Amino acid sequence: MEGVEFDIDNTQTQQHLEAKAEQTRLKNSPLYALLGKIGVTDPTAASVVLLGVAALFFGVAIFIYAGIVSDKASNNMDPAQEAAQIKELQAMQSPQQVQNDATQQ
């Protein structure tokens, strides 16, 4: 690759960067307006606050889904209660389904 020259025109590069910066300006969204009313005027700080709120909600959803917050997630049944519950569930099944389950075992 001999004789290859790169002619970098600084004005074109500067125009390209300005056009790109114009495209990446923050949009006027209701959440940014709300943060502006609260007192967060810097767009970067507003973005960080909104990102933190989203992460907080995501973490709460994970904890709720995992059952860490809920007491219903723990199974405190003794084996006799569990066997009685299984019998109740089997009694609620249709007779044909019970017969099919018995033949498959």
N, C-alpha and C. Protein backbone atom coordinates (compact mmCIF):
# COMPACT_ATOMS: atom_id res chain seq x y z
N MET A 1 0.81 -1.17 0.00
CA MET A 1 0.00 0.00 0.00
C MET A 1 0.87 1.25 0.00
N GLU A 2 1.68 1.34 -0.93
CA GLU A 2 2.53 2.52 -1.02
C GLU A 2 1.80 3.61 -1.77
N GLY A 3 2.07 4.82 -1.39
CA GLY A 3 1.49 5.96 -2.07
C GLY A 3 0.07 6.29 -1.62
N VAL A 4 -0.38 5.68 -0.54
CA VAL A 4 -1.72 5.98 -0.03
C VAL A 4 -1.61 7.15 0.95
N GLU A 5 -2.41 8.17 0.70
CA GLU A 5 -2.40 9.34 1.58
C GLU A 5 -3.81 9.60 2.09
N PHE A 6 -3.88 9.99 3.32
CA PHE A 6 -5.16 10.33 3.92
C PHE A 6 -5.21 11.83 4.10
N ASP A 7 -6.20 12.44 3.50
CA ASP A 7 -6.37 13.88 3.63
C ASP A 7 -7.56 14.11 4.56
N ILE A 8 -7.25 14.42 5.79
CA ILE A 8 -8.29 14.64 6.77
C ILE A 8 -8.58 16.13 6.82
N ASP A 9 -9.79 16.47 6.44
CA ASP A 9 -10.21 17.86 6.46
C ASP A 9 -10.87 18.15 7.80
N ASN A 10 -10.27 19.01 8.57
CA ASN A 10 -10.77 19.31 9.91
C ASN A 10 -12.16 19.93 9.89
N THR A 11 -12.48 20.67 8.86
CA THR A 11 -13.80 21.31 8.83
C THR A 11 -14.90 20.26 8.64
N GLN A 12 -14.63 19.26 7.81
CA GLN A 12 -15.62 18.20 7.63
C GLN A 12 -15.79 17.41 8.93
N THR A 13 -14.70 17.13 9.60
CA THR A 13 -14.76 16.39 10.85
C THR A 13 -15.54 17.19 11.90
N GLN A 14 -15.27 18.48 11.97
CA GLN A 14 -15.97 19.33 12.93
C GLN A 14 -17.46 19.40 12.62
N GLN A 15 -17.81 19.51 11.34
CA GLN A 15 -19.22 19.55 10.95
C GLN A 15 -19.91 18.22 11.28
N HIS A 16 -19.20 17.13 11.07
CA HIS A 16 -19.76 15.81 11.38
C HIS A 16 -20.01 15.67 12.88
N LEU A 17 -19.07 16.13 13.70
CA LEU A 17 -19.24 16.05 15.15
C LEU A 17 -20.39 16.93 15.63
N GLU A 18 -20.54 18.10 15.04
CA GLU A 18 -21.64 18.98 15.43
C GLU A 18 -22.98 18.37 15.03
N ALA A 19 -23.04 17.76 13.86
CA ALA A 19 -24.28 17.12 13.42
C ALA A 19 -24.63 15.95 14.33
N LYS A 20 -23.62 15.19 14.73
CA LYS A 20 -23.86 14.06 15.62
C LYS A 20 -24.32 14.54 17.00
N ALA A 21 -23.72 15.61 17.49
CA ALA A 21 -24.12 16.17 18.78
C ALA A 21 -25.56 16.68 18.71
N GLU A 22 -25.95 17.22 17.58
CA GLU A 22 -27.32 17.71 17.40
C GLU A 22 -28.32 16.55 17.48
N GLN A 23 -27.93 15.39 16.96
CA GLN A 23 -28.80 14.22 16.96
C GLN A 23 -28.95 13.63 18.36
N THR A 24 -27.94 13.78 19.21
CA THR A 24 -27.95 13.12 20.51
C THR A 24 -28.44 14.04 21.63
N ARG A 25 -29.04 15.15 21.30
CA ARG A 25 -29.57 16.04 22.34
C ARG A 25 -30.74 15.34 23.03
N LEU A 26 -30.93 15.66 24.31
CA LEU A 26 -32.01 15.05 25.08
C LEU A 26 -33.36 15.53 24.58
N LYS A 27 -34.28 14.61 24.53
CA LYS A 27 -35.64 14.95 24.14
C LYS A 27 -36.37 15.52 25.36
N ASN A 28 -37.40 16.28 25.11
CA ASN A 28 -38.23 16.81 26.20
C ASN A 28 -39.23 15.75 26.58
N SER A 29 -38.96 15.04 27.65
CA SER A 29 -39.87 14.00 28.11
C SER A 29 -40.51 14.46 29.42
N PRO A 30 -41.64 13.87 29.77
CA PRO A 30 -42.30 14.27 31.03
C PRO A 30 -41.44 14.01 32.26
N LEU A 31 -40.66 12.93 32.24
CA LEU A 31 -39.83 12.63 33.41
C LEU A 31 -38.71 13.66 33.58
N TYR A 32 -38.12 14.09 32.47
CA TYR A 32 -37.10 15.13 32.58
C TYR A 32 -37.72 16.44 33.04
N ALA A 33 -38.94 16.73 32.59
CA ALA A 33 -39.62 17.94 33.04
C ALA A 33 -39.91 17.87 34.54
N LEU A 34 -40.33 16.70 35.01
CA LEU A 34 -40.59 16.52 36.43
C LEU A 34 -39.32 16.70 37.25
N LEU A 35 -38.23 16.13 36.77
CA LEU A 35 -36.95 16.31 37.49
C LEU A 35 -36.51 17.77 37.45
N GLY A 36 -36.81 18.45 36.36
CA GLY A 36 -36.49 19.88 36.29
C GLY A 36 -37.25 20.69 37.32
N LYS A 37 -38.52 20.32 37.55
CA LYS A 37 -39.32 21.02 38.56
C LYS A 37 -38.80 20.74 39.96
N ILE A 38 -38.27 19.53 40.17
CA ILE A 38 -37.73 19.17 41.48
C ILE A 38 -36.44 19.93 41.76
N GLY A 39 -35.67 20.18 40.70
CA GLY A 39 -34.44 20.94 40.88
C GLY A 39 -33.24 20.33 40.19
N VAL A 40 -33.42 19.22 39.49
CA VAL A 40 -32.32 18.60 38.76
C VAL A 40 -32.32 19.19 37.35
N THR A 41 -31.42 20.13 37.10
CA THR A 41 -31.41 20.81 35.80
C THR A 41 -30.37 20.26 34.85
N ASP A 42 -29.35 19.62 35.37
CA ASP A 42 -28.30 19.06 34.52
C ASP A 42 -28.82 17.80 33.83
N PRO A 43 -28.75 17.72 32.50
CA PRO A 43 -29.27 16.55 31.80
C PRO A 43 -28.56 15.25 32.18
N THR A 44 -27.27 15.33 32.45
CA THR A 44 -26.53 14.12 32.83
C THR A 44 -27.00 13.63 34.20
N ALA A 45 -27.17 14.55 35.13
CA ALA A 45 -27.65 14.17 36.45
C ALA A 45 -29.07 13.61 36.38
N ALA A 46 -29.90 14.19 35.53
CA ALA A 46 -31.27 13.69 35.36
C ALA A 46 -31.26 12.27 34.79
N SER A 47 -30.37 12.03 33.85
CA SER A 47 -30.26 10.68 33.29
C SER A 47 -29.81 9.68 34.34
N VAL A 48 -28.88 10.07 35.17
CA VAL A 48 -28.39 9.19 36.23
C VAL A 48 -29.50 8.90 37.24
N VAL A 49 -30.28 9.92 37.58
CA VAL A 49 -31.39 9.73 38.53
C VAL A 49 -32.41 8.77 37.95
N LEU A 50 -32.78 8.96 36.69
CA LEU A 50 -33.77 8.07 36.05
C LEU A 50 -33.23 6.66 35.91
N LEU A 51 -31.96 6.52 35.63
CA LEU A 51 -31.35 5.19 35.55
C LEU A 51 -31.36 4.52 36.92
N GLY A 52 -31.10 5.27 37.96
CA GLY A 52 -31.14 4.73 39.31
C GLY A 52 -32.55 4.29 39.71
N VAL A 53 -33.55 5.08 39.33
CA VAL A 53 -34.94 4.70 39.62
C VAL A 53 -35.30 3.43 38.89
N ALA A 54 -34.89 3.32 37.63
CA ALA A 54 -35.18 2.09 36.86
C ALA A 54 -34.48 0.88 37.49
N ALA A 55 -33.24 1.05 37.94
CA ALA A 55 -32.52 -0.05 38.57
C ALA A 55 -33.19 -0.44 39.89
N LEU A 56 -33.67 0.54 40.63
CA LEU A 56 -34.36 0.27 41.89
C LEU A 56 -35.64 -0.54 41.64
N PHE A 57 -36.43 -0.12 40.67
CA PHE A 57 -37.66 -0.86 40.35
C PHE A 57 -37.34 -2.27 39.86
N PHE A 58 -36.28 -2.42 39.09
CA PHE A 58 -35.89 -3.75 38.60
C PHE A 58 -35.48 -4.64 39.77
N GLY A 59 -34.73 -4.08 40.71
CA GLY A 59 -34.32 -4.86 41.88
C GLY A 59 -35.49 -5.27 42.74
N VAL A 60 -36.44 -4.37 42.94
CA VAL A 60 -37.64 -4.70 43.72
C VAL A 60 -38.43 -5.81 43.03
N ALA A 61 -38.53 -5.73 41.72
CA ALA A 61 -39.25 -6.77 40.98
C ALA A 61 -38.56 -8.12 41.12
N ILE A 62 -37.25 -8.14 41.09
CA ILE A 62 -36.50 -9.39 41.26
C ILE A 62 -36.76 -9.98 42.65
N PHE A 63 -36.71 -9.14 43.68
CA PHE A 63 -36.95 -9.63 45.04
C PHE A 63 -38.37 -10.16 45.21
N ILE A 64 -39.33 -9.47 44.65
CA ILE A 64 -40.71 -9.94 44.76
C ILE A 64 -40.88 -11.25 44.01
N TYR A 65 -40.31 -11.33 42.82
CA TYR A 65 -40.43 -12.55 42.02
C TYR A 65 -39.73 -13.72 42.71
N ALA A 66 -38.60 -13.48 43.31
CA ALA A 66 -37.84 -14.54 43.96
C ALA A 66 -38.49 -14.98 45.27
N GLY A 67 -39.40 -14.19 45.79
CA GLY A 67 -40.08 -14.56 47.01
C GLY A 67 -39.32 -14.19 48.27
N ILE A 68 -38.34 -13.35 48.15
CA ILE A 68 -37.56 -12.96 49.32
C ILE A 68 -38.41 -12.08 50.24
N VAL A 69 -39.24 -11.24 49.67
CA VAL A 69 -40.07 -10.35 50.46
C VAL A 69 -41.33 -11.07 50.94
N SER A 70 -41.82 -11.99 50.15
CA SER A 70 -43.08 -12.66 50.44
C SER A 70 -42.88 -13.85 51.37
N ASP A 71 -43.81 -14.03 52.33
CA ASP A 71 -43.76 -15.19 53.21
C ASP A 71 -44.36 -16.42 52.56
N LYS A 72 -45.11 -16.22 51.49
CA LYS A 72 -45.75 -17.34 50.82
C LYS A 72 -44.74 -18.23 50.10
N ALA A 73 -43.55 -17.74 49.88
CA ALA A 73 -42.56 -18.50 49.13
C ALA A 73 -42.03 -19.68 49.94
N SER A 74 -42.02 -19.56 51.26
CA SER A 74 -41.48 -20.65 52.06
C SER A 74 -42.53 -21.75 52.21
N ASN A 75 -42.10 -22.98 52.13
CA ASN A 75 -43.00 -24.13 52.23
C ASN A 75 -42.80 -24.74 53.61
N ASN A 76 -43.75 -24.46 54.51
CA ASN A 76 -43.63 -24.94 55.89
C ASN A 76 -44.58 -26.09 56.18
N MET A 77 -44.94 -26.86 55.17
CA MET A 77 -45.87 -27.98 55.37
C MET A 77 -45.11 -29.22 55.83
N ASP A 78 -45.74 -29.93 56.75
CA ASP A 78 -45.16 -31.21 57.13
C ASP A 78 -45.60 -32.26 56.09
N PRO A 79 -44.94 -33.40 56.04
CA PRO A 79 -45.24 -34.40 55.02
C PRO A 79 -46.69 -34.87 55.02
N ALA A 80 -47.34 -34.93 56.19
CA ALA A 80 -48.74 -35.38 56.25
C ALA A 80 -49.65 -34.38 55.55
N GLN A 81 -49.41 -33.07 55.78
CA GLN A 81 -50.22 -32.05 55.11
C GLN A 81 -49.99 -32.07 53.61
N GLU A 82 -48.74 -32.30 53.21
CA GLU A 82 -48.42 -32.34 51.79
C GLU A 82 -49.11 -33.52 51.12
N ALA A 83 -49.11 -34.68 51.78
CA ALA A 83 -49.79 -35.86 51.22
C ALA A 83 -51.29 -35.63 51.12
N ALA A 84 -51.89 -34.97 52.13
CA ALA A 84 -53.32 -34.68 52.09
C ALA A 84 -53.65 -33.72 50.95
N GLN A 85 -52.78 -32.75 50.71
CA GLN A 85 -53.01 -31.81 49.63
C GLN A 85 -52.90 -32.51 48.27
N ILE A 86 -51.97 -33.43 48.14
CA ILE A 86 -51.83 -34.19 46.88
C ILE A 86 -53.07 -35.02 46.63
N LYS A 87 -53.62 -35.64 47.69
CA LYS A 87 -54.83 -36.44 47.54
C LYS A 87 -56.02 -35.57 47.12
N GLU A 88 -56.12 -34.36 47.68
CA GLU A 88 -57.19 -33.44 47.30
C GLU A 88 -57.07 -33.06 45.83
N LEU A 89 -55.86 -32.80 45.39
CA LEU A 89 -55.66 -32.42 43.99
C LEU A 89 -56.00 -33.58 43.06
N GLN A 90 -55.64 -34.78 43.46
CA GLN A 90 -55.97 -35.95 42.64
C GLN A 90 -57.47 -36.19 42.61
N ALA A 91 -58.17 -35.90 43.69
CA ALA A 91 -59.63 -36.08 43.73
C ALA A 91 -60.32 -35.07 42.81
N MET A 92 -59.71 -33.92 42.60
CA MET A 92 -60.30 -32.90 41.72
C MET A 92 -60.09 -33.21 40.25
N GLN A 93 -59.14 -34.09 39.92
CA GLN A 93 -58.91 -34.45 38.52
C GLN A 93 -60.08 -35.27 38.02
N SER A 94 -60.26 -35.24 36.69
CA SER A 94 -61.33 -36.05 36.11
C SER A 94 -60.94 -37.53 36.22
N PRO A 95 -61.92 -38.44 36.34
CA PRO A 95 -61.60 -39.87 36.48
C PRO A 95 -60.80 -40.42 35.30
N GLN A 96 -61.08 -39.93 34.12
CA GLN A 96 -60.35 -40.41 32.94
C GLN A 96 -58.87 -40.02 33.02
N GLN A 97 -58.60 -38.80 33.50
CA GLN A 97 -57.21 -38.34 33.62
C GLN A 97 -56.48 -39.14 34.69
N VAL A 98 -57.15 -39.46 35.80
CA VAL A 98 -56.54 -40.27 36.85
C VAL A 98 -56.21 -41.65 36.31
N GLN A 99 -57.12 -42.21 35.52
CA GLN A 99 -56.90 -43.54 34.94
C GLN A 99 -55.73 -43.50 33.96
N ASN A 100 -55.61 -42.43 33.16
CA ASN A 100 -54.47 -42.28 32.23
C ASN A 100 -53.16 -42.15 32.98
N ASP A 101 -53.18 -41.39 34.08
CA ASP A 101 -51.96 -41.25 34.88
C ASP A 101 -51.53 -42.58 35.51
N ALA A 102 -52.51 -43.37 35.92
CA ALA A 102 -52.21 -44.67 36.55
C ALA A 102 -51.63 -45.64 35.53
N THR A 103 -52.12 -45.62 34.30
CA THR A 103 -51.61 -46.53 33.26
C THR A 103 -50.22 -46.12 32.79
N GLN A 104 -49.90 -44.84 32.87
CA GLN A 104 -48.58 -44.38 32.44
C GLN A 104 -47.51 -44.75 33.46
N GLN A 105 -47.87 -44.89 34.72
CA GLN A 105 -46.88 -45.24 35.75
C GLN A 105 -46.67 -46.70 35.70
